[in-house]
Amino acid sequence: MPEVLLCSIAEVPAGEIVCKRVAGFGEVAVVRLCDSSEYVAFESRCPHARGPLGEGELRGDVVVCPWHFFRFDLRTGKPPGTTSILELRRYPVTVRGSEIFVETAVNR
């Protein structure tokens, strides 16, 4: 799978969603999980109605879409506490030194 440099870890402060454009692929959002050094990269558009999920609100390890308030657990990609079939499109992340790389393949 193609792996690309997304950003440095210094660009992703705790509690914030950072969006980066990947040439030939599109926009990818990345966050650092709460109380962790683990990073999660995901599609910046909500799977519900393509809302700007990258502009959503973080509530712990859950991202909330600003359009219809759909919530997604960043650890699983699934809406917490529901049986919804919607799932967040996530991308494999590798941290090397102080840089964050993502694979531009879907990881569900």
PDB file of N, CA and C in Angstrom:
ATOM      1  N   MET A   1       0.842  -1.181   0.000  1.00  0.00           N
ATOM      2  CA  MET A   1       0.000   0.000   0.000  1.00  0.00           C
ATOM      3  C   MET A   1       0.883   1.239   0.000  1.00  0.00           C
ATOM      4  N   PRO A   2       0.501   2.278  -0.736  1.00  0.00           N
ATOM      5  CA  PRO A   2       1.306   3.503  -0.743  1.00  0.00           C
ATOM      6  C   PRO A   2       1.257   4.199   0.620  1.00  0.00           C
ATOM      7  N   GLU A   3       2.427   4.521   1.120  1.00  0.00           N
ATOM      8  CA  GLU A   3       2.532   5.221   2.393  1.00  0.00           C
ATOM      9  C   GLU A   3       3.072   6.619   2.115  1.00  0.00           C
ATOM     10  N   VAL A   4       2.425   7.632   2.732  1.00  0.00           N
ATOM     11  CA  VAL A   4       2.847   9.014   2.497  1.00  0.00           C
ATOM     12  C   VAL A   4       3.064   9.727   3.825  1.00  0.00           C
ATOM     13  N   LEU A   5       3.981  10.675   3.809  1.00  0.00           N
ATOM     14  CA  LEU A   5       4.203  11.531   4.969  1.00  0.00           C
ATOM     15  C   LEU A   5       3.016  12.476   5.090  1.00  0.00           C
ATOM     16  N   LEU A   6       2.362  12.458   6.241  1.00  0.00           N
ATOM     17  CA  LEU A   6       1.206  13.327   6.452  1.00  0.00           C
ATOM     18  C   LEU A   6       1.619  14.623   7.141  1.00  0.00           C
ATOM     19  N   CYS A   7       2.354  14.511   8.255  1.00  0.00           N
ATOM     20  CA  CYS A   7       2.761  15.692   9.007  1.00  0.00           C
ATOM     21  C   CYS A   7       3.708  15.273  10.123  1.00  0.00           C
ATOM     22  N   SER A   8       4.131  16.230  10.904  1.00  0.00           N
ATOM     23  CA  SER A   8       4.949  15.921  12.083  1.00  0.00           C
ATOM     24  C   SER A   8       4.038  15.791  13.297  1.00  0.00           C
ATOM     25  N   ILE A   9       4.518  15.098  14.322  1.00  0.00           N
ATOM     26  CA  ILE A   9       3.698  14.959  15.530  1.00  0.00           C
ATOM     27  C   ILE A   9       3.490  16.306  16.215  1.00  0.00           C
ATOM     28  N   ALA A  10       4.404  17.241  16.020  1.00  0.00           N
ATOM     29  CA  ALA A  10       4.268  18.576  16.614  1.00  0.00           C
ATOM     30  C   ALA A  10       3.079  19.342  16.033  1.00  0.00           C
ATOM     31  N   GLU A  11       2.619  18.954  14.845  1.00  0.00           N
ATOM     32  CA  GLU A  11       1.484  19.619  14.202  1.00  0.00           C
ATOM     33  C   GLU A  11       0.136  19.118  14.713  1.00  0.00           C
ATOM     34  N   VAL A  12       0.148  18.092  15.571  1.00  0.00           N
ATOM     35  CA  VAL A  12      -1.102  17.484  16.038  1.00  0.00           C
ATOM     36  C   VAL A  12      -1.180  17.588  17.559  1.00  0.00           C
ATOM     37  N   PRO A  13      -1.612  18.751  18.054  1.00  0.00           N
ATOM     38  CA  PRO A  13      -1.728  18.912  19.507  1.00  0.00           C
ATOM     39  C   PRO A  13      -2.872  18.067  20.071  1.00  0.00           C
ATOM     40  N   ALA A  14      -2.723  17.676  21.310  1.00  0.00           N
ATOM     41  CA  ALA A  14      -3.770  16.905  21.981  1.00  0.00           C
ATOM     42  C   ALA A  14      -5.093  17.656  21.926  1.00  0.00           C
ATOM     43  N   GLY A  15      -6.170  16.929  21.669  1.00  0.00           N
ATOM     44  CA  GLY A  15      -7.493  17.526  21.689  1.00  0.00           C
ATOM     45  C   GLY A  15      -7.881  18.286  20.435  1.00  0.00           C
ATOM     46  N   GLU A  16      -7.082  18.182  19.370  1.00  0.00           N
ATOM     47  CA  GLU A  16      -7.398  18.889  18.123  1.00  0.00           C
ATOM     48  C   GLU A  16      -7.385  17.942  16.936  1.00  0.00           C
ATOM     49  N   ILE A  17      -8.232  18.242  15.963  1.00  0.00           N
ATOM     50  CA  ILE A  17      -8.242  17.525  14.692  1.00  0.00           C
ATOM     51  C   ILE A  17      -7.438  18.354  13.709  1.00  0.00           C
ATOM     52  N   VAL A  18      -6.522  17.717  13.029  1.00  0.00           N
ATOM     53  CA  VAL A  18      -5.708  18.398  12.029  1.00  0.00           C
ATOM     54  C   VAL A  18      -5.995  17.755  10.674  1.00  0.00           C
ATOM     55  N   CYS A  19      -6.299  18.563   9.674  1.00  0.00           N
ATOM     56  CA  CYS A  19      -6.572  18.073   8.327  1.00  0.00           C
ATOM     57  C   CYS A  19      -5.422  18.435   7.408  1.00  0.00           C
ATOM     58  N   LYS A  20      -5.035  17.454   6.600  1.00  0.00           N
ATOM     59  CA  LYS A  20      -3.950  17.644   5.639  1.00  0.00           C
ATOM     60  C   LYS A  20      -4.391  17.092   4.292  1.00  0.00           C
ATOM     61  N   ARG A  21      -4.019  17.787   3.233  1.00  0.00           N
ATOM     62  CA  ARG A  21      -4.315  17.317   1.884  1.00  0.00           C
ATOM     63  C   ARG A  21      -3.180  16.427   1.410  1.00  0.00           C
ATOM     64  N   VAL A  22      -3.549  15.250   0.899  1.00  0.00           N
ATOM     65  CA  VAL A  22      -2.584  14.309   0.342  1.00  0.00           C
ATOM     66  C   VAL A  22      -2.731  14.361  -1.176  1.00  0.00           C
ATOM     67  N   ALA A  23      -1.664  14.735  -1.845  1.00  0.00           N
ATOM     68  CA  ALA A  23      -1.691  14.885  -3.307  1.00  0.00           C
ATOM     69  C   ALA A  23      -2.184  13.599  -3.975  1.00  0.00           C
ATOM     70  N   GLY A  24      -3.134  13.749  -4.880  1.00  0.00           N
ATOM     71  CA  GLY A  24      -3.677  12.627  -5.627  1.00  0.00           C
ATOM     72  C   GLY A  24      -4.608  11.732  -4.833  1.00  0.00           C
ATOM     73  N   PHE A  25      -4.906  12.106  -3.591  1.00  0.00           N
ATOM     74  CA  PHE A  25      -5.754  11.267  -2.748  1.00  0.00           C
ATOM     75  C   PHE A  25      -6.915  12.039  -2.143  1.00  0.00           C
ATOM     76  N   GLY A  26      -6.630  13.167  -1.520  1.00  0.00           N
ATOM     77  CA  GLY A  26      -7.676  13.966  -0.883  1.00  0.00           C
ATOM     78  C   GLY A  26      -7.275  14.368   0.518  1.00  0.00           C
ATOM     79  N   GLU A  27      -8.261  14.836   1.285  1.00  0.00           N
ATOM     80  CA  GLU A  27      -7.993  15.339   2.620  1.00  0.00           C
ATOM     81  C   GLU A  27      -8.088  14.219   3.653  1.00  0.00           C
ATOM     82  N   VAL A  28      -7.122  14.201   4.563  1.00  0.00           N
ATOM     83  CA  VAL A  28      -7.069  13.220   5.638  1.00  0.00           C
ATOM     84  C   VAL A  28      -7.006  13.981   6.957  1.00  0.00           C
ATOM     85  N   ALA A  29      -7.800  13.542   7.925  1.00  0.00           N
ATOM     86  CA  ALA A  29      -7.769  14.133   9.268  1.00  0.00           C
ATOM     87  C   ALA A  29      -6.959  13.222  10.176  1.00  0.00           C
ATOM     88  N   VAL A  30      -6.282  13.818  11.139  1.00  0.00           N
ATOM     89  CA  VAL A  30      -5.496  13.036  12.084  1.00  0.00           C
ATOM     90  C   VAL A  30      -5.664  13.614  13.484  1.00  0.00           C
ATOM     91  N   VAL A  31      -5.723  12.737  14.479  1.00  0.00           N
ATOM     92  CA  VAL A  31      -5.822  13.142  15.879  1.00  0.00           C
ATOM     93  C   VAL A  31      -4.914  12.255  16.718  1.00  0.00           C
ATOM     94  N   ARG A  32      -4.536  12.785  17.876  1.00  0.00           N
ATOM     95  CA  ARG A  32      -3.848  11.967  18.874  1.00  0.00           C
ATOM     96  C   ARG A  32      -4.898  11.535  19.885  1.00  0.00           C
ATOM     97  N   LEU A  33      -4.984  10.239  20.132  1.00  0.00           N
ATOM     98  CA  LEU A  33      -5.976   9.733  21.065  1.00  0.00           C
ATOM     99  C   LEU A  33      -5.678  10.216  22.481  1.00  0.00           C
ATOM    100  N   CYS A  34      -6.727  10.336  23.282  1.00  0.00           N
ATOM    101  CA  CYS A  34      -6.600  10.816  24.661  1.00  0.00           C
ATOM    102  C   CYS A  34      -5.649   9.935  25.462  1.00  0.00           C
ATOM    103  N   ASP A  35      -4.862  10.578  26.293  1.00  0.00           N
ATOM    104  CA  ASP A  35      -3.968   9.871  27.211  1.00  0.00           C
ATOM    105  C   ASP A  35      -3.129   8.806  26.506  1.00  0.00           C
ATOM    106  N   SER A  36      -2.673   9.127  25.293  1.00  0.00           N
ATOM    107  CA  SER A  36      -1.960   8.138  24.504  1.00  0.00           C
ATOM    108  C   SER A  36      -1.003   8.831  23.546  1.00  0.00           C
ATOM    109  N   SER A  37      -0.069   8.062  23.033  1.00  0.00           N
ATOM    110  CA  SER A  37       0.779   8.585  21.962  1.00  0.00           C
ATOM    111  C   SER A  37       0.356   7.961  20.640  1.00  0.00           C
ATOM    112  N   GLU A  38      -0.834   7.367  20.613  1.00  0.00           N
ATOM    113  CA  GLU A  38      -1.372   6.747  19.402  1.00  0.00           C
ATOM    114  C   GLU A  38      -2.108   7.790  18.558  1.00  0.00           C
ATOM    115  N   TYR A  39      -1.906   7.712  17.242  1.00  0.00           N
ATOM    116  CA  TYR A  39      -2.558   8.619  16.307  1.00  0.00           C
ATOM    117  C   TYR A  39      -3.523   7.836  15.432  1.00  0.00           C
ATOM    118  N   VAL A  40      -4.634   8.483  15.077  1.00  0.00           N
ATOM    119  CA  VAL A  40      -5.622   7.890  14.180  1.00  0.00           C
ATOM    120  C   VAL A  40      -5.837   8.851  13.022  1.00  0.00           C
ATOM    121  N   ALA A  41      -5.781   8.307  11.805  1.00  0.00           N
ATOM    122  CA  ALA A  41      -6.058   9.103  10.609  1.00  0.00           C
ATOM    123  C   ALA A  41      -7.365   8.608  10.008  1.00  0.00           C
ATOM    124  N   PHE A  42      -8.181   9.552   9.528  1.00  0.00           N
ATOM    125  CA  PHE A  42      -9.488   9.177   8.990  1.00  0.00           C
ATOM    126  C   PHE A  42      -9.924  10.148   7.902  1.00  0.00           C
ATOM    127  N   GLU A  43     -10.892   9.696   7.109  1.00  0.00           N
ATOM    128  CA  GLU A  43     -11.425  10.557   6.058  1.00  0.00           C
ATOM    129  C   GLU A  43     -12.081  11.767   6.716  1.00  0.00           C
ATOM    130  N   SER A  44     -11.829  12.945   6.171  1.00  0.00           N
ATOM    131  CA  SER A  44     -12.328  14.165   6.804  1.00  0.00           C
ATOM    132  C   SER A  44     -13.794  14.450   6.493  1.00  0.00           C
ATOM    133  N   ARG A  45     -14.430  13.589   5.733  1.00  0.00           N
ATOM    134  CA  ARG A  45     -15.864  13.728   5.422  1.00  0.00           C
ATOM    135  C   ARG A  45     -16.657  12.664   6.157  1.00  0.00           C
ATOM    136  N   CYS A  46     -17.774  13.048   6.726  1.00  0.00           N
ATOM    137  CA  CYS A  46     -18.638  12.139   7.474  1.00  0.00           C
ATOM    138  C   CYS A  46     -19.275  11.118   6.536  1.00  0.00           C
ATOM    139  N   PRO A  47     -19.309   9.839   6.920  1.00  0.00           N
ATOM    140  CA  PRO A  47     -19.950   8.837   6.063  1.00  0.00           C
ATOM    141  C   PRO A  47     -21.472   8.971   6.002  1.00  0.00           C
ATOM    142  N   HIS A  48     -22.053   9.784   6.872  1.00  0.00           N
ATOM    143  CA  HIS A  48     -23.505   9.961   6.876  1.00  0.00           C
ATOM    144  C   HIS A  48     -23.970  10.834   5.712  1.00  0.00           C
ATOM    145  N   ALA A  49     -23.514  12.076   5.670  1.00  0.00           N
ATOM    146  CA  ALA A  49     -23.979  13.006   4.625  1.00  0.00           C
ATOM    147  C   ALA A  49     -22.817  13.821   4.066  1.00  0.00           C
ATOM    148  N   ARG A  50     -21.585  13.277   4.224  1.00  0.00           N
ATOM    149  CA  ARG A  50     -20.380  13.921   3.686  1.00  0.00           C
ATOM    150  C   ARG A  50     -20.088  15.269   4.341  1.00  0.00           C
ATOM    151  N   GLY A  51     -20.584  15.452   5.549  1.00  0.00           N
ATOM    152  CA  GLY A  51     -20.317  16.680   6.299  1.00  0.00           C
ATOM    153  C   GLY A  51     -18.843  16.811   6.636  1.00  0.00           C
ATOM    154  N   PRO A  52     -18.403  17.991   7.036  1.00  0.00           N
ATOM    155  CA  PRO A  52     -16.990  18.263   7.302  1.00  0.00           C
ATOM    156  C   PRO A  52     -16.537  17.703   8.655  1.00  0.00           C
ATOM    157  N   LEU A  53     -16.381  16.402   8.737  1.00  0.00           N
ATOM    158  CA  LEU A  53     -16.019  15.745   9.984  1.00  0.00           C
ATOM    159  C   LEU A  53     -14.686  16.252  10.525  1.00  0.00           C
ATOM    160  N   GLY A  54     -13.802  16.647   9.635  1.00  0.00           N
ATOM    161  CA  GLY A  54     -12.522  17.213  10.050  1.00  0.00           C
ATOM    162  C   GLY A  54     -12.668  18.519  10.811  1.00  0.00           C
ATOM    163  N   GLU A  55     -13.836  19.145  10.718  1.00  0.00           N
ATOM    164  CA  GLU A  55     -14.125  20.362  11.474  1.00  0.00           C
ATOM    165  C   GLU A  55     -14.983  20.062  12.697  1.00  0.00           C
ATOM    166  N   GLY A  56     -15.157  18.768  12.969  1.00  0.00           N
ATOM    167  CA  GLY A  56     -16.001  18.360  14.085  1.00  0.00           C
ATOM    168  C   GLY A  56     -15.359  18.603  15.424  1.00  0.00           C
ATOM    169  N   GLU A  57     -16.079  18.218  16.461  1.00  0.00           N
ATOM    170  CA  GLU A  57     -15.627  18.402  17.839  1.00  0.00           C
ATOM    171  C   GLU A  57     -15.131  17.070  18.390  1.00  0.00           C
ATOM    172  N   LEU A  58     -14.023  17.121  19.113  1.00  0.00           N
ATOM    173  CA  LEU A  58     -13.536  15.926  19.796  1.00  0.00           C
ATOM    174  C   LEU A  58     -14.099  15.901  21.206  1.00  0.00           C
ATOM    175  N   ARG A  59     -14.615  14.744  21.582  1.00  0.00           N
ATOM    176  CA  ARG A  59     -15.074  14.497  22.955  1.00  0.00           C
ATOM    177  C   ARG A  59     -14.373  13.226  23.410  1.00  0.00           C
ATOM    178  N   GLY A  60     -13.228  13.400  23.999  1.00  0.00           N
ATOM    179  CA  GLY A  60     -12.398  12.245  24.332  1.00  0.00           C
ATOM    180  C   GLY A  60     -11.885  11.628  23.042  1.00  0.00           C
ATOM    181  N   ASP A  61     -12.162  10.335  22.852  1.00  0.00           N
ATOM    182  CA  ASP A  61     -11.750   9.642  21.636  1.00  0.00           C
ATOM    183  C   ASP A  61     -12.904   9.516  20.638  1.00  0.00           C
ATOM    184  N   VAL A  62     -13.882  10.396  20.762  1.00  0.00           N
ATOM    185  CA  VAL A  62     -15.043  10.407  19.870  1.00  0.00           C
ATOM    186  C   VAL A  62     -15.056  11.722  19.111  1.00  0.00           C
ATOM    187  N   VAL A  63     -15.297  11.637  17.785  1.00  0.00           N
ATOM    188  CA  VAL A  63     -15.434  12.837  16.970  1.00  0.00           C
ATOM    189  C   VAL A  63     -16.916  13.012  16.651  1.00  0.00           C
ATOM    190  N   VAL A  64     -17.383  14.257  16.724  1.00  0.00           N
ATOM    191  CA  VAL A  64     -18.794  14.579  16.494  1.00  0.00           C
ATOM    192  C   VAL A  64     -18.902  15.434  15.241  1.00  0.00           C
ATOM    193  N   CYS A  65     -19.699  14.984  14.278  1.00  0.00           N
ATOM    194  CA  CYS A  65     -19.890  15.727  13.036  1.00  0.00           C
ATOM    195  C   CYS A  65     -20.654  17.027  13.314  1.00  0.00           C
ATOM    196  N   PRO A  66     -20.184  18.146  12.760  1.00  0.00           N
ATOM    197  CA  PRO A  66     -20.852  19.423  13.020  1.00  0.00           C
ATOM    198  C   PRO A  66     -22.190  19.577  12.302  1.00  0.00           C
ATOM    199  N   TRP A  67     -22.499  18.733  11.324  1.00  0.00           N
ATOM    200  CA  TRP A  67     -23.758  18.878  10.593  1.00  0.00           C
ATOM    201  C   TRP A  67     -24.929  18.209  11.305  1.00  0.00           C
ATOM    202  N   HIS A  68     -24.834  16.919  11.555  1.00  0.00           N
ATOM    203  CA  HIS A  68     -25.963  16.182  12.120  1.00  0.00           C
ATOM    204  C   HIS A  68     -25.618  15.501  13.435  1.00  0.00           C
ATOM    205  N   PHE A  69     -24.446  15.845  13.990  1.00  0.00           N
ATOM    206  CA  PHE A  69     -24.029  15.376  15.311  1.00  0.00           C
ATOM    207  C   PHE A  69     -23.830  13.865  15.402  1.00  0.00           C
ATOM    208  N   PHE A  70     -23.590  13.211  14.250  1.00  0.00           N
ATOM    209  CA  PHE A  70     -23.219  11.798  14.281  1.00  0.00           C
ATOM    210  C   PHE A  70     -21.895  11.695  15.025  1.00  0.00           C
ATOM    211  N   ARG A  71     -21.751  10.646  15.831  1.00  0.00           N
ATOM    212  CA  ARG A  71     -20.538  10.449  16.621  1.00  0.00           C
ATOM    213  C   ARG A  71     -19.830   9.178  16.164  1.00  0.00           C
ATOM    214  N   PHE A  72     -18.496   9.220  16.170  1.00  0.00           N
ATOM    215  CA  PHE A  72     -17.705   8.064  15.790  1.00  0.00           C
ATOM    216  C   PHE A  72     -16.567   7.875  16.778  1.00  0.00           C
ATOM    217  N   ASP A  73     -16.439   6.656  17.295  1.00  0.00           N
ATOM    218  CA  ASP A  73     -15.332   6.308  18.175  1.00  0.00           C
ATOM    219  C   ASP A  73     -14.088   6.166  17.303  1.00  0.00           C
ATOM    220  N   LEU A  74     -13.068   6.953  17.562  1.00  0.00           N
ATOM    221  CA  LEU A  74     -11.876   6.936  16.727  1.00  0.00           C
ATOM    222  C   LEU A  74     -11.090   5.637  16.872  1.00  0.00           C
ATOM    223  N   ARG A  75     -11.255   4.931  17.973  1.00  0.00           N
ATOM    224  CA  ARG A  75     -10.543   3.660  18.159  1.00  0.00           C
ATOM    225  C   ARG A  75     -11.135   2.550  17.298  1.00  0.00           C
ATOM    226  N   THR A  76     -12.455   2.581  17.099  1.00  0.00           N
ATOM    227  CA  THR A  76     -13.126   1.504  16.359  1.00  0.00           C
ATOM    228  C   THR A  76     -13.656   1.941  15.000  1.00  0.00           C
ATOM    229  N   GLY A  77     -13.911   3.244  14.850  1.00  0.00           N
ATOM    230  CA  GLY A  77     -14.518   3.743  13.621  1.00  0.00           C
ATOM    231  C   GLY A  77     -16.035   3.671  13.631  1.00  0.00           C
ATOM    232  N   LYS A  78     -16.603   3.100  14.689  1.00  0.00           N
ATOM    233  CA  LYS A  78     -18.054   2.887  14.748  1.00  0.00           C
ATOM    234  C   LYS A  78     -18.726   3.895  15.669  1.00  0.00           C
ATOM    235  N   PRO A  79     -20.012   4.175  15.403  1.00  0.00           N
ATOM    236  CA  PRO A  79     -20.762   5.050  16.308  1.00  0.00           C
ATOM    237  C   PRO A  79     -20.934   4.360  17.661  1.00  0.00           C
ATOM    238  N   PRO A  80     -20.570   5.017  18.747  1.00  0.00           N
ATOM    239  CA  PRO A  80     -20.696   4.379  20.063  1.00  0.00           C
ATOM    240  C   PRO A  80     -22.153   4.228  20.488  1.00  0.00           C
ATOM    241  N   GLY A  81     -22.446   3.081  21.087  1.00  0.00           N
ATOM    242  CA  GLY A  81     -23.765   2.866  21.677  1.00  0.00           C
ATOM    243  C   GLY A  81     -24.907   2.707  20.698  1.00  0.00           C
ATOM    244  N   THR A  82     -24.613   2.412  19.418  1.00  0.00           N
ATOM    245  CA  THR A  82     -25.690   2.218  18.441  1.00  0.00           C
ATOM    246  C   THR A  82     -25.414   0.967  17.623  1.00  0.00           C
ATOM    247  N   THR A  83     -26.397   0.605  16.835  1.00  0.00           N
ATOM    248  CA  THR A  83     -26.225  -0.507  15.896  1.00  0.00           C
ATOM    249  C   THR A  83     -26.133   0.010  14.468  1.00  0.00           C
ATOM    250  N   SER A  84     -25.787   1.258  14.319  1.00  0.00           N
ATOM    251  CA  SER A  84     -25.683   1.887  13.003  1.00  0.00           C
ATOM    252  C   SER A  84     -24.688   1.136  12.119  1.00  0.00           C
ATOM    253  N   ILE A  85     -24.979   1.079  10.835  1.00  0.00           N
ATOM    254  CA  ILE A  85     -24.057   0.442   9.894  1.00  0.00           C
ATOM    255  C   ILE A  85     -23.000   1.421   9.384  1.00  0.00           C
ATOM    256  N   LEU A  86     -23.135   2.696   9.733  1.00  0.00           N
ATOM    257  CA  LEU A  86     -22.138   3.676   9.318  1.00  0.00           C
ATOM    258  C   LEU A  86     -20.812   3.387  10.003  1.00  0.00           C
ATOM    259  N   GLU A  87     -19.736   3.608   9.273  1.00  0.00           N
ATOM    260  CA  GLU A  87     -18.419   3.399   9.851  1.00  0.00           C
ATOM    261  C   GLU A  87     -17.461   4.421   9.273  1.00  0.00           C
ATOM    262  N   LEU A  88     -16.641   4.943  10.147  1.00  0.00           N
ATOM    263  CA  LEU A  88     -15.645   5.930   9.769  1.00  0.00           C
ATOM    264  C   LEU A  88     -14.544   5.259   8.959  1.00  0.00           C
ATOM    265  N   ARG A  89     -14.164   5.885   7.865  1.00  0.00           N
ATOM    266  CA  ARG A  89     -13.075   5.360   7.050  1.00  0.00           C
ATOM    267  C   ARG A  89     -11.757   5.797   7.680  1.00  0.00           C
ATOM    268  N   ARG A  90     -10.983   4.818   8.146  1.00  0.00           N
ATOM    269  CA  ARG A  90      -9.714   5.112   8.808  1.00  0.00           C
ATOM    270  C   ARG A  90      -8.561   4.601   7.956  1.00  0.00           C
ATOM    271  N   TYR A  91      -7.393   5.185   8.180  1.00  0.00           N
ATOM    272  CA  TYR A  91      -6.203   4.828   7.421  1.00  0.00           C
ATOM    273  C   TYR A  91      -5.099   4.403   8.372  1.00  0.00           C
ATOM    274  N   PRO A  92      -4.356   3.351   8.041  1.00  0.00           N
ATOM    275  CA  PRO A  92      -3.258   2.906   8.895  1.00  0.00           C
ATOM    276  C   PRO A  92      -2.208   4.006   9.088  1.00  0.00           C
ATOM    277  N   VAL A  93      -1.757   4.148  10.326  1.00  0.00           N
ATOM    278  CA  VAL A  93      -0.791   5.185  10.694  1.00  0.00           C
ATOM    279  C   VAL A  93       0.493   4.531  11.197  1.00  0.00           C
ATOM    280  N   THR A  94       1.617   5.099  10.801  1.00  0.00           N
ATOM    281  CA  THR A  94       2.922   4.713  11.324  1.00  0.00           C
ATOM    282  C   THR A  94       3.628   5.984  11.766  1.00  0.00           C
ATOM    283  N   VAL A  95       4.189   5.958  12.974  1.00  0.00           N
ATOM    284  CA  VAL A  95       4.981   7.090  13.459  1.00  0.00           C
ATOM    285  C   VAL A  95       6.438   6.662  13.423  1.00  0.00           C
ATOM    286  N   ARG A  96       7.244   7.447  12.718  1.00  0.00           N
ATOM    287  CA  ARG A  96       8.684   7.209  12.659  1.00  0.00           C
ATOM    288  C   ARG A  96       9.376   8.471  13.139  1.00  0.00           C
ATOM    289  N   GLY A  97      10.031   8.353  14.276  1.00  0.00           N
ATOM    290  CA  GLY A  97      10.672   9.533  14.848  1.00  0.00           C
ATOM    291  C   GLY A  97       9.607  10.548  15.204  1.00  0.00           C
ATOM    292  N   SER A  98       9.657  11.700  14.561  1.00  0.00           N
ATOM    293  CA  SER A  98       8.671  12.750  14.838  1.00  0.00           C
ATOM    294  C   SER A  98       7.717  12.967  13.664  1.00  0.00           C
ATOM    295  N   GLU A  99       7.628  11.973  12.764  1.00  0.00           N
ATOM    296  CA  GLU A  99       6.774  12.127  11.577  1.00  0.00           C
ATOM    297  C   GLU A  99       5.661  11.084  11.548  1.00  0.00           C
ATOM    298  N   ILE A 100       4.507  11.522  11.054  1.00  0.00           N
ATOM    299  CA  ILE A 100       3.334  10.655  10.938  1.00  0.00           C
ATOM    300  C   ILE A 100       3.138  10.309   9.468  1.00  0.00           C
ATOM    301  N   PHE A 101       3.112   9.010   9.187  1.00  0.00           N
ATOM    302  CA  PHE A 101       2.866   8.511   7.836  1.00  0.00           C
ATOM    303  C   PHE A 101       1.522   7.792   7.819  1.00  0.00           C
ATOM    304  N   VAL A 102       0.815   7.850   6.691  1.00  0.00           N
ATOM    305  CA  VAL A 102      -0.439   7.117   6.533  1.00  0.00           C
ATOM    306  C   VAL A 102      -0.390   6.293   5.258  1.00  0.00           C
ATOM    307  N   GLU A 103      -1.096   5.174   5.295  1.00  0.00           N
ATOM    308  CA  GLU A 103      -1.298   4.369   4.094  1.00  0.00           C
ATOM    309  C   GLU A 103      -2.587   4.843   3.469  1.00  0.00           C
ATOM    310  N   THR A 104      -2.565   5.084   2.196  1.00  0.00           N
ATOM    311  CA  THR A 104      -3.751   5.614   1.513  1.00  0.00           C
ATOM    312  C   THR A 104      -4.660   4.479   1.052  1.00  0.00           C
ATOM    313  N   ALA A 105      -4.869   3.526   1.936  1.00  0.00           N
ATOM    314  CA  ALA A 105      -5.816   2.434   1.709  1.00  0.00           C
ATOM    315  C   ALA A 105      -6.805   2.470   2.865  1.00  0.00           C
ATOM    316  N   VAL A 106      -7.989   2.000   2.630  1.00  0.00           N
ATOM    317  CA  VAL A 106      -9.023   2.020   3.660  1.00  0.00           C
ATOM    318  C   VAL A 106      -8.767   0.932   4.689  1.00  0.00           C
ATOM    319  N   ASN A 107      -8.904   1.286   5.960  1.00  0.00           N
ATOM    320  CA  ASN A 107      -8.791   0.324   7.059  1.00  0.00           C
ATOM    321  C   ASN A 107     -10.043   0.469   7.915  1.00  0.00           C
ATOM    322  N   ARG A 108     -10.877  -0.510   7.892  1.00  0.00           N
ATOM    323  CA  ARG A 108     -12.123  -0.442   8.672  1.00  0.00           C
ATOM    324  C   ARG A 108     -12.038  -1.240   9.928  1.00  0.00           C
TER     325      ARG A 108
END
